[in-house]
Amino acid sequence: MGISSSHTGSGVTVITIDYPPVNAIPVRGWFDLADELVAAGRRPETHVVVLRAEGRGFCAGVDIKEIQRTEGFDALIGANRGCAAAFAAVYDCEVPVVAAINGFCLGGGVGLVGNADIVVAATDATFGLPEVDRGALGAATHLARLVPPHLMRALYYTARRISAEELHHHGSVYEVVAPAGLDAAALALAEEIAAKDTRVIRCAKEALNGIDPQHVHRSYRYEQGFTFELNLSGVSDAARRAFLEG
């Protein structure tokens, strides 16, 4: 349980999220994920990273129960900084990151996927940001990398989910496959890239990040300023309590 990684021997490092029952990641888990991604990208034998999850969903976001049961704002600050670190580690990983998405991908999960290089999803995969219903903000930066601007706003304000098929229509999901074939499809794509000269691919990753019009790290931190404002005003605490009691 937790964050683990393995190397296939064909240039692919597979990093797995495993926090039953819904992969709501605790503070320490976000930092562990960031560490694994950074370490994988720095290893010469890693040419591509596949980011996947065990269980019925890829990620339910931050562990709200951990935040709610922790006195003061330490857990909130930790989750915010941990998410920022993990999202950045996906984006800045020295090699391409292929995200393999099963089931639900919510909140911080969208942050990870929005910063990935390529997304492969199962037919049962859905994506959404329930933040406004939890009295928080965040990851609009990353949802905006998956859908057009007006759709992003509609999804954000309503907290509705969007399917893998719909994201495939918008071009942000590369391939949609049956759940049983998800890992194989993601690995096959990763191995195709891994077979190329890693020196060229690493330069390509850096070059593509360099021409990206969106400064993803700065914009995410800007969003989080409003999450802190909502927490200080008591709005977030009431929303989280209602969610957990509901």
C-alpha atoms as a PDB file:
ATOM      1  CA  MET A   1       0.000   0.000   0.000  1.00  0.00           C
ATOM      2  CA  GLY A   2       1.199   3.536  -0.750  1.00  0.00           C
ATOM      3  CA  ILE A   3       3.408   4.594  -3.653  1.00  0.00           C
ATOM      4  CA  SER A   4       5.531   1.931  -5.306  1.00  0.00           C
ATOM      5  CA  SER A   5       7.579   1.610  -8.466  1.00  0.00           C
ATOM      6  CA  SER A   6       9.035  -1.130 -10.632  1.00  0.00           C
ATOM      7  CA  HIS A   7      11.186  -1.226 -13.749  1.00  0.00           C
ATOM      8  CA  THR A   8      10.199  -3.373 -16.707  1.00  0.00           C
ATOM      9  CA  GLY A   9      13.670  -3.816 -18.158  1.00  0.00           C
ATOM     10  CA  SER A  10      12.509  -2.248 -21.417  1.00  0.00           C
ATOM     11  CA  GLY A  11      13.145   1.332 -20.337  1.00  0.00           C
ATOM     12  CA  VAL A  12       9.799   1.844 -18.587  1.00  0.00           C
ATOM     13  CA  THR A  13       9.348   2.607 -14.898  1.00  0.00           C
ATOM     14  CA  VAL A  14       5.840   1.906 -13.602  1.00  0.00           C
ATOM     15  CA  ILE A  15       4.731   3.989 -10.598  1.00  0.00           C
ATOM     16  CA  THR A  16       1.606   2.790  -8.799  1.00  0.00           C
ATOM     17  CA  ILE A  17      -0.782   4.618  -6.466  1.00  0.00           C
ATOM     18  CA  ASP A  18      -2.403   2.299  -3.901  1.00  0.00           C
ATOM     19  CA  TYR A  19      -4.353   3.850  -1.026  1.00  0.00           C
ATOM     20  CA  PRO A  20      -7.505   1.775  -0.460  1.00  0.00           C
ATOM     21  CA  PRO A  21     -10.404   2.117  -0.605  1.00  0.00           C
ATOM     22  CA  VAL A  22     -10.553   5.060  -3.071  1.00  0.00           C
ATOM     23  CA  ASN A  23      -6.964   6.255  -3.487  1.00  0.00           C
ATOM     24  CA  ALA A  24      -7.502   9.448  -1.515  1.00  0.00           C
ATOM     25  CA  ILE A  25      -3.851  10.351  -1.062  1.00  0.00           C
ATOM     26  CA  PRO A  26      -2.610  11.571   2.343  1.00  0.00           C
ATOM     27  CA  VAL A  27      -0.102  14.390   2.736  1.00  0.00           C
ATOM     28  CA  ARG A  28       2.908  12.082   2.975  1.00  0.00           C
ATOM     29  CA  GLY A  29       1.705  10.186  -0.082  1.00  0.00           C
ATOM     30  CA  TRP A  30       1.799  13.246  -2.345  1.00  0.00           C
ATOM     31  CA  PHE A  31       5.412  13.905  -1.390  1.00  0.00           C
ATOM     32  CA  ASP A  32       6.278  10.219  -1.815  1.00  0.00           C
ATOM     33  CA  LEU A  33       4.771  10.293  -5.294  1.00  0.00           C
ATOM     34  CA  ALA A  34       6.775  13.401  -6.151  1.00  0.00           C
ATOM     35  CA  ASP A  35       9.970  11.739  -4.922  1.00  0.00           C
ATOM     36  CA  GLU A  36       9.345   8.592  -6.987  1.00  0.00           C
ATOM     37  CA  LEU A  37       8.689  10.611 -10.158  1.00  0.00           C
ATOM     38  CA  VAL A  38      11.785  12.762  -9.732  1.00  0.00           C
ATOM     39  CA  ALA A  39      13.973   9.744  -8.980  1.00  0.00           C
ATOM     40  CA  ALA A  40      12.614   7.802 -11.959  1.00  0.00           C
ATOM     41  CA  GLY A  41      13.294  10.644 -14.373  1.00  0.00           C
ATOM     42  CA  ARG A  42      16.873  10.985 -13.157  1.00  0.00           C
ATOM     43  CA  ARG A  43      17.717   7.324 -13.668  1.00  0.00           C
ATOM     44  CA  PRO A  44      19.399   6.768 -17.059  1.00  0.00           C
ATOM     45  CA  GLU A  45      17.667   3.413 -17.460  1.00  0.00           C
ATOM     46  CA  THR A  46      14.234   5.043 -17.301  1.00  0.00           C
ATOM     47  CA  HIS A  47      13.114   6.239 -20.711  1.00  0.00           C
ATOM     48  CA  VAL A  48       9.377   6.581 -19.937  1.00  0.00           C
ATOM     49  CA  VAL A  49       7.229   6.537 -16.795  1.00  0.00           C
ATOM     50  CA  VAL A  50       3.780   4.944 -16.600  1.00  0.00           C
ATOM     51  CA  LEU A  51       1.668   6.334 -13.759  1.00  0.00           C
ATOM     52  CA  ARG A  52      -1.166   3.995 -12.758  1.00  0.00           C
ATOM     53  CA  ALA A  53      -3.256   2.954  -9.771  1.00  0.00           C
ATOM     54  CA  GLU A  54      -4.621  -0.114  -8.056  1.00  0.00           C
ATOM     55  CA  GLY A  55      -8.245  -0.385  -7.035  1.00  0.00           C
ATOM     56  CA  ARG A  56     -11.514   0.794  -8.505  1.00  0.00           C
ATOM     57  CA  GLY A  57     -10.364   4.317  -9.283  1.00  0.00           C
ATOM     58  CA  PHE A  58      -7.179   6.161 -10.211  1.00  0.00           C
ATOM     59  CA  CYS A  59      -7.387   8.861  -7.531  1.00  0.00           C
ATOM     60  CA  ALA A  60     -10.060  10.510  -5.383  1.00  0.00           C
ATOM     61  CA  GLY A  61      -7.820  13.492  -4.661  1.00  0.00           C
ATOM     62  CA  VAL A  62      -6.587  14.534  -1.236  1.00  0.00           C
ATOM     63  CA  ASP A  63      -7.509  12.683   1.939  1.00  0.00           C
ATOM     64  CA  ILE A  64     -10.237  14.992   3.258  1.00  0.00           C
ATOM     65  CA  LYS A  65     -10.600  12.933   6.434  1.00  0.00           C
ATOM     66  CA  GLU A  66      -6.944  13.597   7.259  1.00  0.00           C
ATOM     67  CA  ILE A  67      -7.462  17.347   6.837  1.00  0.00           C
ATOM     68  CA  GLN A  68     -10.663  17.353   8.872  1.00  0.00           C
ATOM     69  CA  ARG A  69      -9.254  15.424  11.831  1.00  0.00           C
ATOM     70  CA  THR A  70      -6.031  17.462  12.050  1.00  0.00           C
ATOM     71  CA  GLU A  71      -6.032  20.497  14.334  1.00  0.00           C
ATOM     72  CA  GLY A  72      -5.098  23.800  12.740  1.00  0.00           C
ATOM     73  CA  PHE A  73      -4.003  24.100   9.135  1.00  0.00           C
ATOM     74  CA  ASP A  74      -0.956  21.826   9.024  1.00  0.00           C
ATOM     75  CA  ALA A  75      -2.694  19.091   7.013  1.00  0.00           C
ATOM     76  CA  LEU A  76      -4.237  21.606   4.629  1.00  0.00           C
ATOM     77  CA  ILE A  77      -0.898  23.291   4.009  1.00  0.00           C
ATOM     78  CA  GLY A  78       0.765  19.900   3.674  1.00  0.00           C
ATOM     79  CA  ALA A  79      -1.809  18.688   1.149  1.00  0.00           C
ATOM     80  CA  ASN A  80      -1.468  21.890  -0.850  1.00  0.00           C
ATOM     81  CA  ARG A  81       2.311  21.701  -0.947  1.00  0.00           C
ATOM     82  CA  GLY A  82       2.271  17.961  -1.536  1.00  0.00           C
ATOM     83  CA  CYS A  83      -0.096  18.299  -4.478  1.00  0.00           C
ATOM     84  CA  ALA A  84       2.016  21.107  -5.917  1.00  0.00           C
ATOM     85  CA  ALA A  85       5.120  18.929  -5.590  1.00  0.00           C
ATOM     86  CA  ALA A  86       3.492  15.877  -7.198  1.00  0.00           C
ATOM     87  CA  PHE A  87       1.912  17.833 -10.048  1.00  0.00           C
ATOM     88  CA  ALA A  88       5.232  19.545 -10.727  1.00  0.00           C
ATOM     89  CA  ALA A  89       7.082  16.230 -10.616  1.00  0.00           C
ATOM     90  CA  VAL A  90       4.836  14.857 -13.372  1.00  0.00           C
ATOM     91  CA  TYR A  91       5.287  17.941 -15.520  1.00  0.00           C
ATOM     92  CA  ASP A  92       9.036  18.316 -14.891  1.00  0.00           C
ATOM     93  CA  CYS A  93       9.885  14.611 -15.032  1.00  0.00           C
ATOM     94  CA  GLU A  94      12.889  14.318 -17.320  1.00  0.00           C
ATOM     95  CA  VAL A  95      11.142  11.657 -19.414  1.00  0.00           C
ATOM     96  CA  PRO A  96       7.583  11.413 -20.780  1.00  0.00           C
ATOM     97  CA  VAL A  97       4.869  10.361 -18.320  1.00  0.00           C
ATOM     98  CA  VAL A  98       2.020   8.177 -19.593  1.00  0.00           C
ATOM     99  CA  ALA A  99      -0.982   8.259 -17.240  1.00  0.00           C
ATOM    100  CA  ALA A 100      -3.175   5.119 -17.208  1.00  0.00           C
ATOM    101  CA  ILE A 101      -6.591   6.026 -15.808  1.00  0.00           C
ATOM    102  CA  ASN A 102      -9.182   3.597 -14.491  1.00  0.00           C
ATOM    103  CA  GLY A 103     -12.477   4.392 -12.791  1.00  0.00           C
ATOM    104  CA  PHE A 104     -12.702   7.810 -11.191  1.00  0.00           C
ATOM    105  CA  CYS A 105     -10.077  10.543 -11.472  1.00  0.00           C
ATOM    106  CA  LEU A 106     -11.027  13.402  -9.179  1.00  0.00           C
ATOM    107  CA  GLY A 107      -9.476  16.506  -7.651  1.00  0.00           C
ATOM    108  CA  GLY A 108      -5.752  15.982  -7.318  1.00  0.00           C
ATOM    109  CA  GLY A 109      -6.017  13.099  -9.768  1.00  0.00           C
ATOM    110  CA  VAL A 110      -6.915  15.625 -12.457  1.00  0.00           C
ATOM    111  CA  GLY A 111      -3.855  17.620 -11.399  1.00  0.00           C
ATOM    112  CA  LEU A 112      -1.646  14.612 -12.103  1.00  0.00           C
ATOM    113  CA  VAL A 113      -3.330  13.723 -15.384  1.00  0.00           C
ATOM    114  CA  GLY A 114      -3.445  17.290 -16.680  1.00  0.00           C
ATOM    115  CA  ASN A 115       0.335  17.516 -16.317  1.00  0.00           C
ATOM    116  CA  ALA A 116       1.036  14.117 -17.887  1.00  0.00           C
ATOM    117  CA  ASP A 117       2.421  13.875 -21.406  1.00  0.00           C
ATOM    118  CA  ILE A 118      -0.031  11.259 -22.667  1.00  0.00           C
ATOM    119  CA  VAL A 119      -3.264   9.880 -21.192  1.00  0.00           C
ATOM    120  CA  VAL A 120      -4.630   6.390 -21.809  1.00  0.00           C
ATOM    121  CA  ALA A 121      -7.958   5.652 -20.140  1.00  0.00           C
ATOM    122  CA  ALA A 122     -10.335   2.786 -19.558  1.00  0.00           C
ATOM    123  CA  THR A 123     -13.892   2.972 -20.860  1.00  0.00           C
ATOM    124  CA  ASP A 124     -15.138   3.323 -17.273  1.00  0.00           C
ATOM    125  CA  ALA A 125     -12.898   6.324 -16.506  1.00  0.00           C
ATOM    126  CA  THR A 126     -14.458   9.641 -15.500  1.00  0.00           C
ATOM    127  CA  PHE A 127     -12.746  12.913 -14.623  1.00  0.00           C
ATOM    128  CA  GLY A 128     -13.934  15.753 -12.431  1.00  0.00           C
ATOM    129  CA  LEU A 129     -13.188  18.454  -9.908  1.00  0.00           C
ATOM    130  CA  PRO A 130     -15.560  18.341  -6.902  1.00  0.00           C
ATOM    131  CA  GLU A 131     -13.596  21.166  -5.270  1.00  0.00           C
ATOM    132  CA  VAL A 132     -16.397  23.746  -5.183  1.00  0.00           C
ATOM    133  CA  ASP A 133     -18.586  21.263  -3.280  1.00  0.00           C
ATOM    134  CA  ARG A 134     -15.798  20.841  -0.706  1.00  0.00           C
ATOM    135  CA  GLY A 135     -15.281  24.565  -0.120  1.00  0.00           C
ATOM    136  CA  ALA A 136     -11.974  24.608  -1.987  1.00  0.00           C
ATOM    137  CA  LEU A 137     -10.426  25.454  -5.339  1.00  0.00           C
ATOM    138  CA  GLY A 138      -7.617  23.932  -7.355  1.00  0.00           C
ATOM    139  CA  ALA A 139      -6.590  21.993 -10.474  1.00  0.00           C
ATOM    140  CA  ALA A 140      -8.549  24.217 -12.851  1.00  0.00           C
ATOM    141  CA  THR A 141      -5.074  24.823 -14.255  1.00  0.00           C
ATOM    142  CA  HIS A 142      -4.865  21.141 -15.141  1.00  0.00           C
ATOM    143  CA  LEU A 143      -8.467  20.638 -16.233  1.00  0.00           C
ATOM    144  CA  ALA A 144      -7.880  23.486 -18.682  1.00  0.00           C
ATOM    145  CA  ARG A 145      -5.222  21.313 -20.330  1.00  0.00           C
ATOM    146  CA  LEU A 146      -7.829  18.610 -20.954  1.00  0.00           C
ATOM    147  CA  VAL A 147     -10.868  20.528 -22.251  1.00  0.00           C
ATOM    148  CA  PRO A 148     -11.654  23.851 -23.977  1.00  0.00           C
ATOM    149  CA  PRO A 149     -12.020  26.963 -21.756  1.00  0.00           C
ATOM    150  CA  HIS A 150     -15.807  27.268 -21.612  1.00  0.00           C
ATOM    151  CA  LEU A 151     -16.294  23.558 -20.969  1.00  0.00           C
ATOM    152  CA  MET A 152     -13.670  23.755 -18.230  1.00  0.00           C
ATOM    153  CA  ARG A 153     -15.661  26.526 -16.533  1.00  0.00           C
ATOM    154  CA  ALA A 154     -18.915  24.595 -16.792  1.00  0.00           C
ATOM    155  CA  LEU A 155     -17.325  21.458 -15.323  1.00  0.00           C
ATOM    156  CA  TYR A 156     -15.634  23.482 -12.579  1.00  0.00           C
ATOM    157  CA  TYR A 157     -18.723  25.415 -11.483  1.00  0.00           C
ATOM    158  CA  THR A 158     -21.026  22.374 -11.561  1.00  0.00           C
ATOM    159  CA  ALA A 159     -18.499  19.802 -10.254  1.00  0.00           C
ATOM    160  CA  ARG A 160     -19.767  17.463 -12.955  1.00  0.00           C
ATOM    161  CA  ARG A 161     -17.639  14.666 -14.380  1.00  0.00           C
ATOM    162  CA  ILE A 162     -16.599  14.060 -17.970  1.00  0.00           C
ATOM    163  CA  SER A 163     -16.013  10.642 -19.500  1.00  0.00           C
ATOM    164  CA  ALA A 164     -12.873   9.266 -21.094  1.00  0.00           C
ATOM    165  CA  GLU A 165     -14.728   9.044 -24.404  1.00  0.00           C
ATOM    166  CA  GLU A 166     -15.560  12.758 -24.255  1.00  0.00           C
ATOM    167  CA  LEU A 167     -11.947  13.640 -23.480  1.00  0.00           C
ATOM    168  CA  HIS A 168     -10.869  11.437 -26.362  1.00  0.00           C
ATOM    169  CA  HIS A 169     -13.123  13.545 -28.572  1.00  0.00           C
ATOM    170  CA  HIS A 170     -11.273  16.660 -27.384  1.00  0.00           C
ATOM    171  CA  GLY A 171      -7.907  15.016 -28.044  1.00  0.00           C
ATOM    172  CA  SER A 172      -6.640  15.017 -24.458  1.00  0.00           C
ATOM    173  CA  VAL A 173      -7.071  11.269 -23.967  1.00  0.00           C
ATOM    174  CA  TYR A 174      -4.944   9.464 -26.539  1.00  0.00           C
ATOM    175  CA  GLU A 175      -6.650   6.079 -26.367  1.00  0.00           C
ATOM    176  CA  VAL A 176      -9.690   4.548 -24.652  1.00  0.00           C
ATOM    177  CA  VAL A 177      -9.551   0.819 -23.992  1.00  0.00           C
ATOM    178  CA  ALA A 178     -11.416  -1.867 -22.062  1.00  0.00           C
ATOM    179  CA  PRO A 179     -10.509  -1.823 -18.340  1.00  0.00           C
ATOM    180  CA  ALA A 180      -8.856  -5.237 -18.575  1.00  0.00           C
ATOM    181  CA  GLY A 181      -6.516  -3.969 -21.281  1.00  0.00           C
ATOM    182  CA  LEU A 182      -5.552  -0.638 -19.711  1.00  0.00           C
ATOM    183  CA  ASP A 183      -2.177  -1.583 -18.286  1.00  0.00           C
ATOM    184  CA  ALA A 184      -1.164  -3.402 -21.457  1.00  0.00           C
ATOM    185  CA  ALA A 185      -2.162  -0.464 -23.662  1.00  0.00           C
ATOM    186  CA  ALA A 186      -0.297   2.070 -21.530  1.00  0.00           C
ATOM    187  CA  LEU A 187       2.784  -0.147 -21.375  1.00  0.00           C
ATOM    188  CA  ALA A 188       2.755  -0.771 -25.137  1.00  0.00           C
ATOM    189  CA  LEU A 189       2.670   2.964 -25.835  1.00  0.00           C
ATOM    190  CA  ALA A 190       5.387   3.608 -23.256  1.00  0.00           C
ATOM    191  CA  GLU A 191       7.607   0.906 -24.731  1.00  0.00           C
ATOM    192  CA  GLU A 192       7.190   2.366 -28.224  1.00  0.00           C
ATOM    193  CA  ILE A 193       8.558   5.684 -26.939  1.00  0.00           C
ATOM    194  CA  ALA A 194      11.163   3.999 -24.726  1.00  0.00           C
ATOM    195  CA  ALA A 195      12.634   2.243 -27.763  1.00  0.00           C
ATOM    196  CA  LYS A 196      13.713   5.590 -29.218  1.00  0.00           C
ATOM    197  CA  ASP A 197      16.951   7.384 -28.331  1.00  0.00           C
ATOM    198  CA  THR A 198      16.334   8.591 -24.785  1.00  0.00           C
ATOM    199  CA  ARG A 199      18.702  11.523 -25.297  1.00  0.00           C
ATOM    200  CA  VAL A 200      16.424  12.851 -28.030  1.00  0.00           C
ATOM    201  CA  ILE A 201      13.225  12.152 -26.091  1.00  0.00           C
ATOM    202  CA  ARG A 202      14.558  13.859 -22.963  1.00  0.00           C
ATOM    203  CA  CYS A 203      15.423  16.937 -25.019  1.00  0.00           C
ATOM    204  CA  ALA A 204      12.001  16.774 -26.635  1.00  0.00           C
ATOM    205  CA  LYS A 205      10.316  16.736 -23.204  1.00  0.00           C
ATOM    206  CA  GLU A 206      12.284  19.782 -22.078  1.00  0.00           C
ATOM    207  CA  ALA A 207      11.622  21.574 -25.364  1.00  0.00           C
ATOM    208  CA  LEU A 208       7.873  20.951 -25.238  1.00  0.00           C
ATOM    209  CA  ASN A 209       7.703  22.222 -21.661  1.00  0.00           C
ATOM    210  CA  GLY A 210       9.667  25.275 -22.727  1.00  0.00           C
ATOM    211  CA  ILE A 211       7.161  26.257 -25.410  1.00  0.00           C
ATOM    212  CA  ASP A 212       4.093  25.505 -23.280  1.00  0.00           C
ATOM    213  CA  PRO A 213       1.909  28.654 -23.092  1.00  0.00           C
ATOM    214  CA  GLN A 214       0.669  27.816 -19.594  1.00  0.00           C
ATOM    215  CA  HIS A 215       2.880  28.305 -16.522  1.00  0.00           C
ATOM    216  CA  VAL A 216       1.302  25.405 -14.673  1.00  0.00           C
ATOM    217  CA  HIS A 217       3.203  25.735 -11.388  1.00  0.00           C
ATOM    218  CA  ARG A 218       2.479  29.413 -10.865  1.00  0.00           C
ATOM    219  CA  SER A 219      -1.183  29.251 -11.897  1.00  0.00           C
ATOM    220  CA  TYR A 220      -1.902  26.335  -9.549  1.00  0.00           C
ATOM    221  CA  ARG A 221      -0.372  28.176  -6.611  1.00  0.00           C
ATOM    222  CA  TYR A 222      -2.464  31.219  -7.502  1.00  0.00           C
ATOM    223  CA  GLU A 223      -5.611  29.080  -7.335  1.00  0.00           C
ATOM    224  CA  GLN A 224      -4.640  27.784  -3.928  1.00  0.00           C
ATOM    225  CA  GLY A 225      -4.540  31.278  -2.468  1.00  0.00           C
ATOM    226  CA  PHE A 226      -8.332  31.260  -2.670  1.00  0.00           C
ATOM    227  CA  THR A 227      -8.516  27.849  -0.994  1.00  0.00           C
ATOM    228  CA  PHE A 228      -6.663  29.305   1.978  1.00  0.00           C
ATOM    229  CA  GLU A 229      -9.032  32.288   2.000  1.00  0.00           C
ATOM    230  CA  LEU A 230     -12.047  29.960   2.093  1.00  0.00           C
ATOM    231  CA  ASN A 231     -10.486  27.974   4.936  1.00  0.00           C
ATOM    232  CA  LEU A 232      -9.687  31.042   7.001  1.00  0.00           C
ATOM    233  CA  SER A 233     -13.276  32.251   6.610  1.00  0.00           C
ATOM    234  CA  GLY A 234     -14.665  28.895   7.810  1.00  0.00           C
ATOM    235  CA  VAL A 235     -16.390  28.067   4.518  1.00  0.00           C
ATOM    236  CA  SER A 236     -14.211  25.065   3.725  1.00  0.00           C
ATOM    237  CA  ASP A 237     -14.512  23.460   7.149  1.00  0.00           C
ATOM    238  CA  ALA A 238     -18.299  23.553   6.971  1.00  0.00           C
ATOM    239  CA  ALA A 239     -18.284  22.104   3.444  1.00  0.00           C
ATOM    240  CA  ARG A 240     -15.911  19.283   4.349  1.00  0.00           C
ATOM    241  CA  ARG A 241     -17.963  18.436   7.445  1.00  0.00           C
ATOM    242  CA  ALA A 242     -21.151  18.288   5.394  1.00  0.00           C
ATOM    243  CA  PHE A 243     -19.471  16.027   2.848  1.00  0.00           C
ATOM    244  CA  LEU A 244     -18.121  13.614   5.459  1.00  0.00           C
ATOM    245  CA  GLU A 245     -21.413  13.484   7.371  1.00  0.00           C
ATOM    246  CA  GLY A 246     -23.460  13.114   4.192  1.00  0.00           C
END
